[in-house]
PDB file of all heavy atoms in Angstrom:
ATOM      1  N   ALA A   1      94.312  98.597 105.047  1.00  0.00           N
ATOM      2  CA  ALA A   1      94.816  99.282 103.800  1.00  0.00           C
ATOM      3  C   ALA A   1      94.912 100.836 103.954  1.00  0.00           C
ATOM      4  O   ALA A   1      95.804 101.557 103.565  1.00  0.00           O
ATOM      5  CB  ALA A   1      93.927  98.879 102.597  1.00  0.00           C
ATOM      6  N   ILE A   2      93.818 101.436 104.641  1.00  0.00           N
ATOM      7  CA  ILE A   2      93.779 102.884 104.863  1.00  0.00           C
ATOM      8  C   ILE A   2      94.972 103.253 105.723  1.00  0.00           C
ATOM      9  O   ILE A   2      95.631 104.212 105.353  1.00  0.00           O
ATOM     10  CB  ILE A   2      92.423 103.281 105.503  1.00  0.00           C
ATOM     11  CG1 ILE A   2      91.315 103.105 104.613  1.00  0.00           C
ATOM     12  CG2 ILE A   2      92.507 104.736 106.025  1.00  0.00           C
ATOM     13  CD1 ILE A   2      91.295 103.920 103.389  1.00  0.00           C
ATOM     14  N   GLY A   3      95.199 102.518 106.736  1.00  0.00           N
ATOM     15  CA  GLY A   3      96.287 102.864 107.624  1.00  0.00           C
ATOM     16  C   GLY A   3      97.705 102.812 106.955  1.00  0.00           C
ATOM     17  O   GLY A   3      98.552 103.697 107.125  1.00  0.00           O
ATOM     18  N   TYR A   4      97.892 101.728 106.234  1.00  0.00           N
ATOM     19  CA  TYR A   4      99.156 101.574 105.456  1.00  0.00           C
ATOM     20  C   TYR A   4      99.243 102.654 104.323  1.00  0.00           C
ATOM     21  O   TYR A   4     100.320 103.202 104.064  1.00  0.00           O
ATOM     22  CB  TYR A   4      99.403 100.229 104.845  1.00  0.00           C
ATOM     23  CG  TYR A   4      99.862  99.173 105.912  1.00  0.00           C
ATOM     24  CD1 TYR A   4      99.144  98.018 106.089  1.00  0.00           C
ATOM     25  CD2 TYR A   4     101.119  99.399 106.519  1.00  0.00           C
ATOM     26  CE1 TYR A   4      99.649  97.202 107.031  1.00  0.00           C
ATOM     27  CE2 TYR A   4     101.612  98.489 107.388  1.00  0.00           C
ATOM     28  CZ  TYR A   4     100.874  97.357 107.625  1.00  0.00           C
ATOM     29  OH  TYR A   4     101.318  96.416 108.607  1.00  0.00           O
ATOM     30  N   ALA A   5      98.210 102.976 103.708  1.00  0.00           N
ATOM     31  CA  ALA A   5      98.187 104.023 102.584  1.00  0.00           C
ATOM     32  C   ALA A   5      98.551 105.323 103.222  1.00  0.00           C
ATOM     33  O   ALA A   5      99.296 106.136 102.654  1.00  0.00           O
ATOM     34  CB  ALA A   5      96.823 104.077 101.891  1.00  0.00           C
ATOM     35  N   LEU A   6      97.948 105.729 104.365  1.00  0.00           N
ATOM     36  CA  LEU A   6      98.287 106.942 105.033  1.00  0.00           C
ATOM     37  C   LEU A   6      99.785 107.024 105.428  1.00  0.00           C
ATOM     38  O   LEU A   6     100.356 108.010 105.275  1.00  0.00           O
ATOM     39  CB  LEU A   6      97.355 107.195 106.310  1.00  0.00           C
ATOM     40  CG  LEU A   6      95.904 107.566 105.995  1.00  0.00           C
ATOM     41  CD1 LEU A   6      95.089 107.490 107.316  1.00  0.00           C
ATOM     42  CD2 LEU A   6      95.807 108.783 105.328  1.00  0.00           C
ATOM     43  N   ASP A   7     100.251 105.959 105.940  1.00  0.00           N
ATOM     44  CA  ASP A   7     101.640 105.809 106.363  1.00  0.00           C
ATOM     45  C   ASP A   7     102.575 105.950 105.193  1.00  0.00           C
ATOM     46  O   ASP A   7     103.538 106.836 105.262  1.00  0.00           O
ATOM     47  CB  ASP A   7     101.942 104.559 107.161  1.00  0.00           C
ATOM     48  CG  ASP A   7     103.350 104.440 107.592  1.00  0.00           C
ATOM     49  OD1 ASP A   7     103.661 105.175 108.608  1.00  0.00           O
ATOM     50  OD2 ASP A   7     104.220 103.761 106.952  1.00  0.00           O
ATOM     51  N   ALA A   8     102.253 105.282 104.039  1.00  0.00           N
ATOM     52  CA  ALA A   8     103.071 105.413 102.927  1.00  0.00           C
ATOM     53  C   ALA A   8     103.158 106.775 102.307  1.00  0.00           C
ATOM     54  O   ALA A   8     104.223 107.294 101.985  1.00  0.00           O
ATOM     55  CB  ALA A   8     102.702 104.364 101.854  1.00  0.00           C
ATOM     56  N   ALA A   9     102.057 107.418 102.306  1.00  0.00           N
ATOM     57  CA  ALA A   9     101.949 108.815 101.699  1.00  0.00           C
ATOM     58  C   ALA A   9     102.582 109.782 102.552  1.00  0.00           C
ATOM     59  O   ALA A   9     103.430 110.645 102.162  1.00  0.00           O
ATOM     60  CB  ALA A   9     100.440 109.115 101.389  1.00  0.00           C
ATOM     61  N   ILE A  10     102.218 109.825 103.848  1.00  0.00           N
ATOM     62  CA  ILE A  10     102.732 110.881 104.791  1.00  0.00           C
ATOM     63  C   ILE A  10     104.235 110.645 105.054  1.00  0.00           C
ATOM     64  O   ILE A  10     104.978 111.624 105.051  1.00  0.00           O
ATOM     65  CB  ILE A  10     101.824 110.808 106.101  1.00  0.00           C
ATOM     66  CG1 ILE A  10     100.480 111.229 105.797  1.00  0.00           C
ATOM     67  CG2 ILE A  10     102.452 111.668 107.157  1.00  0.00           C
ATOM     68  CD1 ILE A  10      99.416 110.914 106.850  1.00  0.00           C
ATOM     69  N   ARG A  11     104.630 109.464 105.466  1.00  0.00           N
ATOM     70  CA  ARG A  11     106.023 109.288 105.692  1.00  0.00           C
ATOM     71  C   ARG A  11     106.935 109.187 104.385  1.00  0.00           C
ATOM     72  O   ARG A  11     108.015 109.682 104.384  1.00  0.00           O
ATOM     73  CB  ARG A  11     106.249 108.008 106.454  1.00  0.00           C
ATOM     74  CG  ARG A  11     105.558 108.157 107.909  1.00  0.00           C
ATOM     75  CD  ARG A  11     105.718 106.997 108.770  1.00  0.00           C
ATOM     76  NE  ARG A  11     107.171 106.811 109.094  1.00  0.00           N
ATOM     77  CZ  ARG A  11     107.755 105.780 109.682  1.00  0.00           C
ATOM     78  NH1 ARG A  11     106.851 104.764 110.071  1.00  0.00           N
ATOM     79  NH2 ARG A  11     108.916 105.599 109.981  1.00  0.00           N
ATOM     80  N   GLY A  12     106.258 108.798 103.295  1.00  0.00           N
ATOM     81  CA  GLY A  12     107.027 108.762 102.034  1.00  0.00           C
ATOM     82  C   GLY A  12     107.332 110.193 101.553  1.00  0.00           C
ATOM     83  O   GLY A  12     108.452 110.315 100.962  1.00  0.00           O
ATOM     84  N   ILE A  13     106.475 111.097 101.792  1.00  0.00           N
ATOM     85  CA  ILE A  13     106.731 112.454 101.309  1.00  0.00           C
ATOM     86  C   ILE A  13     107.861 113.108 102.035  1.00  0.00           C
ATOM     87  O   ILE A  13     108.530 114.056 101.572  1.00  0.00           O
ATOM     88  CB  ILE A  13     105.481 113.304 101.202  1.00  0.00           C
ATOM     89  CG1 ILE A  13     105.554 114.484 100.269  1.00  0.00           C
ATOM     90  CG2 ILE A  13     105.165 113.794 102.659  1.00  0.00           C
ATOM     91  CD1 ILE A  13     104.269 115.164 100.034  1.00  0.00           C
ATOM     92  N   GLU A  14     108.211 112.640 103.228  1.00  0.00           N
ATOM     93  CA  GLU A  14     109.288 113.121 104.036  1.00  0.00           C
ATOM     94  C   GLU A  14     110.672 112.500 103.605  1.00  0.00           C
ATOM     95  O   GLU A  14     111.708 112.850 104.185  1.00  0.00           O
ATOM     96  CB  GLU A  14     109.036 112.888 105.463  1.00  0.00           C
ATOM     97  CG  GLU A  14     107.796 113.591 105.997  1.00  0.00           C
ATOM     98  CD  GLU A  14     107.407 113.121 107.378  1.00  0.00           C
ATOM     99  OE1 GLU A  14     108.013 112.161 107.909  1.00  0.00           O
ATOM    100  OE2 GLU A  14     106.435 113.754 107.939  1.00  0.00           O
ATOM    101  N   THR A  15     110.658 111.568 102.646  1.00  0.00           N
ATOM    102  CA  THR A  15     111.904 110.933 102.233  1.00  0.00           C
ATOM    103  C   THR A  15     112.088 111.164 100.737  1.00  0.00           C
ATOM    104  O   THR A  15     111.251 111.823 100.063  1.00  0.00           O
ATOM    105  CB  THR A  15     111.854 109.449 102.474  1.00  0.00           C
ATOM    106  OG1 THR A  15     110.774 108.841 101.708  1.00  0.00           O
ATOM    107  CG2 THR A  15     111.576 109.136 103.953  1.00  0.00           C
ATOM    108  N   ASP A  16     113.099 110.562 100.120  1.00  0.00           N
ATOM    109  CA  ASP A  16     113.268 110.659  98.687  1.00  0.00           C
ATOM    110  C   ASP A  16     112.315 109.603  98.048  1.00  0.00           C
ATOM    111  O   ASP A  16     111.717 108.767  98.723  1.00  0.00           O
ATOM    112  CB  ASP A  16     114.712 110.508  98.189  1.00  0.00           C
ATOM    113  CG  ASP A  16     115.279 109.102  98.465  1.00  0.00           C
ATOM    114  OD1 ASP A  16     114.577 108.080  98.463  1.00  0.00           O
ATOM    115  OD2 ASP A  16     116.486 109.085  98.977  1.00  0.00           O
ATOM    116  N   LEU A  17     112.120 109.707  96.687  1.00  0.00           N
ATOM    117  CA  LEU A  17     111.193 108.856  96.025  1.00  0.00           C
ATOM    118  C   LEU A  17     111.639 107.364  96.159  1.00  0.00           C
ATOM    119  O   LEU A  17     110.780 106.539  96.353  1.00  0.00           O
ATOM    120  CB  LEU A  17     111.191 109.294  94.577  1.00  0.00           C
ATOM    121  CG  LEU A  17     110.252 108.431  93.663  1.00  0.00           C
ATOM    122  CD1 LEU A  17     108.783 108.470  94.133  1.00  0.00           C
ATOM    123  CD2 LEU A  17     110.405 108.834  92.255  1.00  0.00           C
ATOM    124  N   THR A  18     112.870 106.987  96.119  1.00  0.00           N
ATOM    125  CA  THR A  18     113.375 105.639  96.244  1.00  0.00           C
ATOM    126  C   THR A  18     112.876 105.033  97.586  1.00  0.00           C
ATOM    127  O   THR A  18     112.214 103.901  97.664  1.00  0.00           O
ATOM    128  CB  THR A  18     114.838 105.417  96.055  1.00  0.00           C
ATOM    129  OG1 THR A  18     115.161 106.026  94.711  1.00  0.00           O
ATOM    130  CG2 THR A  18     115.295 104.060  96.187  1.00  0.00           C
ATOM    131  N   GLN A  19     113.088 105.808  98.636  1.00  0.00           N
ATOM    132  CA  GLN A  19     112.660 105.245  99.997  1.00  0.00           C
ATOM    133  C   GLN A  19     111.179 105.248 100.114  1.00  0.00           C
ATOM    134  O   GLN A  19     110.591 104.308 100.671  1.00  0.00           O
ATOM    135  CB  GLN A  19     113.307 106.179 101.093  1.00  0.00           C
ATOM    136  CG  GLN A  19     114.758 106.053 101.213  1.00  0.00           C
ATOM    137  CD  GLN A  19     115.339 107.055 102.181  1.00  0.00           C
ATOM    138  OE1 GLN A  19     114.745 108.169 102.300  1.00  0.00           O
ATOM    139  NE2 GLN A  19     116.329 106.664 102.932  1.00  0.00           N
ATOM    140  N   GLY A  20     110.422 106.216  99.512  1.00  0.00           N
ATOM    141  CA  GLY A  20     108.991 106.160  99.521  1.00  0.00           C
ATOM    142  C   GLY A  20     108.465 104.983  98.747  1.00  0.00           C
ATOM    143  O   GLY A  20     107.493 104.358  99.277  1.00  0.00           O
ATOM    144  N   LEU A  21     109.097 104.629  97.656  1.00  0.00           N
ATOM    145  CA  LEU A  21     108.600 103.496  96.881  1.00  0.00           C
ATOM    146  C   LEU A  21     108.908 102.201  97.668  1.00  0.00           C
ATOM    147  O   LEU A  21     108.100 101.255  97.589  1.00  0.00           O
ATOM    148  CB  LEU A  21     109.254 103.434  95.521  1.00  0.00           C
ATOM    149  CG  LEU A  21     108.800 104.558  94.491  1.00  0.00           C
ATOM    150  CD1 LEU A  21     109.643 104.613  93.255  1.00  0.00           C
ATOM    151  CD2 LEU A  21     107.299 104.437  94.133  1.00  0.00           C
ATOM    152  N   GLU A  22     110.011 102.158  98.306  1.00  0.00           N
ATOM    153  CA  GLU A  22     110.307 101.013  99.101  1.00  0.00           C
ATOM    154  C   GLU A  22     109.379 100.827 100.201  1.00  0.00           C
ATOM    155  O   GLU A  22     108.923  99.666 100.548  1.00  0.00           O
ATOM    156  CB  GLU A  22     111.770 101.047  99.727  1.00  0.00           C
ATOM    157  CG  GLU A  22     112.790 100.869  98.642  1.00  0.00           C
ATOM    158  CD  GLU A  22     114.203 101.149  99.175  1.00  0.00           C
ATOM    159  OE1 GLU A  22     114.438 101.542 100.296  1.00  0.00           O
ATOM    160  OE2 GLU A  22     115.211 101.053  98.339  1.00  0.00           O
ATOM    161  N   ARG A  23     108.970 101.889 100.905  1.00  0.00           N
ATOM    162  CA  ARG A  23     107.923 101.871 101.952  1.00  0.00           C
ATOM    163  C   ARG A  23     106.664 101.285 101.427  1.00  0.00           C
ATOM    164  O   ARG A  23     105.991 100.405 101.966  1.00  0.00           O
ATOM    165  CB  ARG A  23     107.771 103.158 102.652  1.00  0.00           C
ATOM    166  CG  ARG A  23     106.628 103.169 103.716  1.00  0.00           C
ATOM    167  CD  ARG A  23     106.590 104.600 104.411  1.00  0.00           C
ATOM    168  NE  ARG A  23     107.713 104.843 105.113  1.00  0.00           N
ATOM    169  CZ  ARG A  23     108.192 104.443 106.254  1.00  0.00           C
ATOM    170  NH1 ARG A  23     107.350 103.522 106.917  1.00  0.00           N
ATOM    171  NH2 ARG A  23     109.256 104.773 106.900  1.00  0.00           N
ATOM    172  N   GLU A  24     106.249 101.917 100.260  1.00  0.00           N
ATOM    173  CA  GLU A  24     104.994 101.475  99.687  1.00  0.00           C
ATOM    174  C   GLU A  24     104.961 100.005  99.350  1.00  0.00           C
ATOM    175  O   GLU A  24     104.020  99.217  99.575  1.00  0.00           O
ATOM    176  CB  GLU A  24     104.739 102.314  98.396  1.00  0.00           C
ATOM    177  CG  GLU A  24     103.484 101.885  97.571  1.00  0.00           C
ATOM    178  CD  GLU A  24     103.428 102.708  96.349  1.00  0.00           C
ATOM    179  OE1 GLU A  24     104.046 102.316  95.369  1.00  0.00           O
ATOM    180  OE2 GLU A  24     102.680 103.783  96.246  1.00  0.00           O
ATOM    181  N   ALA A  25     106.066  99.551  98.761  1.00  0.00           N
ATOM    182  CA  ALA A  25     106.177  98.157  98.269  1.00  0.00           C
ATOM    183  C   ALA A  25     106.128  97.252  99.505  1.00  0.00           C
ATOM    184  O   ALA A  25     105.456  96.159  99.525  1.00  0.00           O
ATOM    185  CB  ALA A  25     107.477  97.885  97.539  1.00  0.00           C
ATOM    186  N   GLY A  26     106.797  97.628 100.632  1.00  0.00           N
ATOM    187  CA  GLY A  26     106.757  96.860 101.832  1.00  0.00           C
ATOM    188  C   GLY A  26     105.412  96.790 102.369  1.00  0.00           C
ATOM    189  O   GLY A  26     104.941  95.666 102.832  1.00  0.00           O
ATOM    190  N   HIS A  27     104.674  97.845 102.443  1.00  0.00           N
ATOM    191  CA  HIS A  27     103.299  97.824 102.914  1.00  0.00           C
ATOM    192  C   HIS A  27     102.374  97.017 102.062  1.00  0.00           C
ATOM    193  O   HIS A  27     101.519  96.249 102.562  1.00  0.00           O
ATOM    194  CB  HIS A  27     102.769  99.322 102.979  1.00  0.00           C
ATOM    195  CG  HIS A  27     103.357 100.093 104.080  1.00  0.00           C
ATOM    196  ND1 HIS A  27     104.224  99.644 105.039  1.00  0.00           N
ATOM    197  CD2 HIS A  27     103.191 101.437 104.362  1.00  0.00           C
ATOM    198  CE1 HIS A  27     104.498 100.658 105.888  1.00  0.00           C
ATOM    199  NE2 HIS A  27     103.874 101.676 105.510  1.00  0.00           N
ATOM    200  N   PHE A  28     102.579  97.108 100.683  1.00  0.00           N
ATOM    201  CA  PHE A  28     101.797  96.301  99.787  1.00  0.00           C
ATOM    202  C   PHE A  28     101.980  94.775 100.086  1.00  0.00           C
ATOM    203  O   PHE A  28     101.008  94.053 100.119  1.00  0.00           O
ATOM    204  CB  PHE A  28     102.094  96.615  98.318  1.00  0.00           C
ATOM    205  CG  PHE A  28     101.349  95.947  97.280  1.00  0.00           C
ATOM    206  CD1 PHE A  28     100.154  96.629  96.837  1.00  0.00           C
ATOM    207  CD2 PHE A  28     101.661  94.730  96.850  1.00  0.00           C
ATOM    208  CE1 PHE A  28      99.364  95.988  95.967  1.00  0.00           C
ATOM    209  CE2 PHE A  28     100.833  94.126  95.854  1.00  0.00           C
ATOM    210  CZ  PHE A  28      99.701  94.692  95.440  1.00  0.00           C
ATOM    211  N   GLY A  29     103.277  94.403 100.291  1.00  0.00           N
ATOM    212  CA  GLY A  29     103.639  93.012 100.567  1.00  0.00           C
ATOM    213  C   GLY A  29     102.855  92.584 101.886  1.00  0.00           C
ATOM    214  O   GLY A  29     102.393  91.448 101.955  1.00  0.00           O
ATOM    215  N   LEU A  30     102.951  93.418 102.863  1.00  0.00           N
ATOM    216  CA  LEU A  30     102.277  93.067 104.183  1.00  0.00           C
ATOM    217  C   LEU A  30     100.831  92.844 103.957  1.00  0.00           C
ATOM    218  O   LEU A  30     100.215  91.938 104.535  1.00  0.00           O
ATOM    219  CB  LEU A  30     102.633  94.082 105.185  1.00  0.00           C
ATOM    220  CG  LEU A  30     104.051  94.176 105.758  1.00  0.00           C
ATOM    221  CD1 LEU A  30     104.182  95.439 106.634  1.00  0.00           C
ATOM    222  CD2 LEU A  30     104.426  92.975 106.478  1.00  0.00           C
ATOM    223  N   LEU A  31     100.141  93.715 103.265  1.00  0.00           N
ATOM    224  CA  LEU A  31      98.751  93.650 102.990  1.00  0.00           C
ATOM    225  C   LEU A  31      98.328  92.418 102.114  1.00  0.00           C
ATOM    226  O   LEU A  31      97.276  91.880 102.270  1.00  0.00           O
ATOM    227  CB  LEU A  31      98.267  94.949 102.351  1.00  0.00           C
ATOM    228  CG  LEU A  31      98.220  96.175 103.285  1.00  0.00           C
ATOM    229  CD1 LEU A  31      98.025  97.482 102.523  1.00  0.00           C
ATOM    230  CD2 LEU A  31      97.124  95.982 104.373  1.00  0.00           C
ATOM    231  N   ALA A  32      99.290  92.040 101.266  1.00  0.00           N
ATOM    232  CA  ALA A  32      98.973  90.871 100.412  1.00  0.00           C
ATOM    233  C   ALA A  32      98.734  89.615 101.203  1.00  0.00           C
ATOM    234  O   ALA A  32      98.173  88.654 100.722  1.00  0.00           O
ATOM    235  CB  ALA A  32     100.089  90.712  99.405  1.00  0.00           C
ATOM    236  N   ALA A  33      99.202  89.583 102.386  1.00  0.00           N
ATOM    237  CA  ALA A  33      99.060  88.371 103.279  1.00  0.00           C
ATOM    238  C   ALA A  33      97.861  88.469 104.268  1.00  0.00           C
ATOM    239  O   ALA A  33      97.689  87.667 105.072  1.00  0.00           O
ATOM    240  CB  ALA A  33     100.321  88.166 104.058  1.00  0.00           C
ATOM    241  N   THR A  34      97.089  89.461 104.084  1.00  0.00           N
ATOM    242  CA  THR A  34      95.962  89.653 105.016  1.00  0.00           C
ATOM    243  C   THR A  34      94.653  89.136 104.578  1.00  0.00           C
ATOM    244  O   THR A  34      94.412  88.928 103.314  1.00  0.00           O
ATOM    245  CB  THR A  34      95.717  91.200 105.330  1.00  0.00           C
ATOM    246  OG1 THR A  34      95.298  91.775 104.117  1.00  0.00           O
ATOM    247  CG2 THR A  34      96.992  91.847 105.837  1.00  0.00           C
ATOM    248  N   HIS A  35      93.884  88.765 105.519  1.00  0.00           N
ATOM    249  CA  HIS A  35      92.451  88.389 105.188  1.00  0.00           C
ATOM    250  C   HIS A  35      91.761  89.378 104.424  1.00  0.00           C
ATOM    251  O   HIS A  35      90.909  89.075 103.504  1.00  0.00           O
ATOM    252  CB  HIS A  35      91.764  88.029 106.554  1.00  0.00           C
ATOM    253  CG  HIS A  35      90.165  87.742 106.329  1.00  0.00           C
ATOM    254  ND1 HIS A  35      89.315  88.693 106.300  1.00  0.00           N
ATOM    255  CD2 HIS A  35      89.579  86.551 106.040  1.00  0.00           C
ATOM    256  CE1 HIS A  35      88.176  88.218 106.072  1.00  0.00           C
ATOM    257  NE2 HIS A  35      88.266  86.943 105.904  1.00  0.00           N
ATOM    258  N   ASP A  36      91.899  90.662 104.816  1.00  0.00           N
ATOM    259  CA  ASP A  36      91.139  91.818 104.142  1.00  0.00           C
ATOM    260  C   ASP A  36      91.503  91.839 102.625  1.00  0.00           C
ATOM    261  O   ASP A  36      90.649  92.181 101.827  1.00  0.00           O
ATOM    262  CB  ASP A  36      91.498  93.136 104.757  1.00  0.00           C
ATOM    263  CG  ASP A  36      90.709  93.328 106.049  1.00  0.00           C
ATOM    264  OD1 ASP A  36      89.878  92.554 106.382  1.00  0.00           O
ATOM    265  OD2 ASP A  36      90.884  94.504 106.660  1.00  0.00           O
ATOM    266  N   MET A  37      92.714  91.624 102.303  1.00  0.00           N
ATOM    267  CA  MET A  37      93.079  91.687 100.882  1.00  0.00           C
ATOM    268  C   MET A  37      92.373  90.516 100.111  1.00  0.00           C
ATOM    269  O   MET A  37      91.775  90.790  99.043  1.00  0.00           O
ATOM    270  CB  MET A  37      94.633  91.509 100.672  1.00  0.00           C
ATOM    271  CG  MET A  37      95.041  91.676  99.177  1.00  0.00           C
ATOM    272  SD  MET A  37      94.934  90.322  98.055  1.00  0.00           S
ATOM    273  CE  MET A  37      95.952  89.083  98.773  1.00  0.00           C
ATOM    274  N   HIS A  38      92.312  89.341 100.636  1.00  0.00           N
ATOM    275  CA  HIS A  38      91.577  88.189 100.031  1.00  0.00           C
ATOM    276  C   HIS A  38      90.126  88.475  99.974  1.00  0.00           C
ATOM    277  O   HIS A  38      89.469  88.234  99.010  1.00  0.00           O
ATOM    278  CB  HIS A  38      91.973  86.836 100.721  1.00  0.00           C
ATOM    279  CG  HIS A  38      93.373  86.529 100.658  1.00  0.00           C
ATOM    280  ND1 HIS A  38      93.966  86.053  99.455  1.00  0.00           N
ATOM    281  CD2 HIS A  38      94.388  86.558 101.500  1.00  0.00           C
ATOM    282  CE1 HIS A  38      95.203  85.781  99.628  1.00  0.00           C
ATOM    283  NE2 HIS A  38      95.580  86.050 100.938  1.00  0.00           N
ATOM    284  N   GLU A  39      89.588  89.003 101.008  1.00  0.00           N
ATOM    285  CA  GLU A  39      88.167  89.340 101.089  1.00  0.00           C
ATOM    286  C   GLU A  39      87.835  90.404  99.991  1.00  0.00           C
ATOM    287  O   GLU A  39      86.897  90.335  99.362  1.00  0.00           O
ATOM    288  CB  GLU A  39      87.768  89.854 102.475  1.00  0.00           C
ATOM    289  CG  GLU A  39      86.400  90.486 102.579  1.00  0.00           C
ATOM    290  CD  GLU A  39      85.261  89.571 102.103  1.00  0.00           C
ATOM    291  OE1 GLU A  39      85.411  88.318 101.999  1.00  0.00           O
ATOM    292  OE2 GLU A  39      83.995  90.038 101.852  1.00  0.00           O
ATOM    293  N   GLY A  40      88.703  91.466  99.904  1.00  0.00           N
ATOM    294  CA  GLY A  40      88.390  92.515  98.904  1.00  0.00           C
ATOM    295  C   GLY A  40      88.456  92.040  97.441  1.00  0.00           C
ATOM    296  O   GLY A  40      87.623  92.336  96.684  1.00  0.00           O
ATOM    297  N   LEU A  41      89.457  91.095  97.160  1.00  0.00           N
ATOM    298  CA  LEU A  41      89.498  90.560  95.840  1.00  0.00           C
ATOM    299  C   LEU A  41      88.381  89.648  95.546  1.00  0.00           C
ATOM    300  O   LEU A  41      87.686  89.755  94.479  1.00  0.00           O
ATOM    301  CB  LEU A  41      90.772  89.800  95.562  1.00  0.00           C
ATOM    302  CG  LEU A  41      92.044  90.630  95.491  1.00  0.00           C
ATOM    303  CD1 LEU A  41      93.288  89.798  95.378  1.00  0.00           C
ATOM    304  CD2 LEU A  41      91.973  91.621  94.365  1.00  0.00           C
ATOM    305  N   LYS A  42      87.924  88.827  96.563  1.00  0.00           N
ATOM    306  CA  LYS A  42      86.794  88.042  96.401  1.00  0.00           C
ATOM    307  C   LYS A  42      85.580  88.693  96.200  1.00  0.00           C
ATOM    308  O   LYS A  42      84.734  88.374  95.347  1.00  0.00           O
ATOM    309  CB  LYS A  42      86.702  87.024  97.615  1.00  0.00           C
ATOM    310  CG  LYS A  42      85.638  85.949  97.450  1.00  0.00           C
ATOM    311  CD  LYS A  42      85.683  85.061  98.689  1.00  0.00           C
ATOM    312  CE  LYS A  42      84.596  83.980  98.608  1.00  0.00           C
ATOM    313  NZ  LYS A  42      84.504  83.126  99.761  1.00  0.00           N
TER     314      LYS A  42
END
């Protein structure tokens, strides 16, 4: 999550808002399928 959050923020600021939001949503989707996300919620 830290890695994807850094990537979304740092790379997102270099693009327009629409592209930044798309990157964020993509990263969120990838994280939703991880063990860490399930462990965090649990």
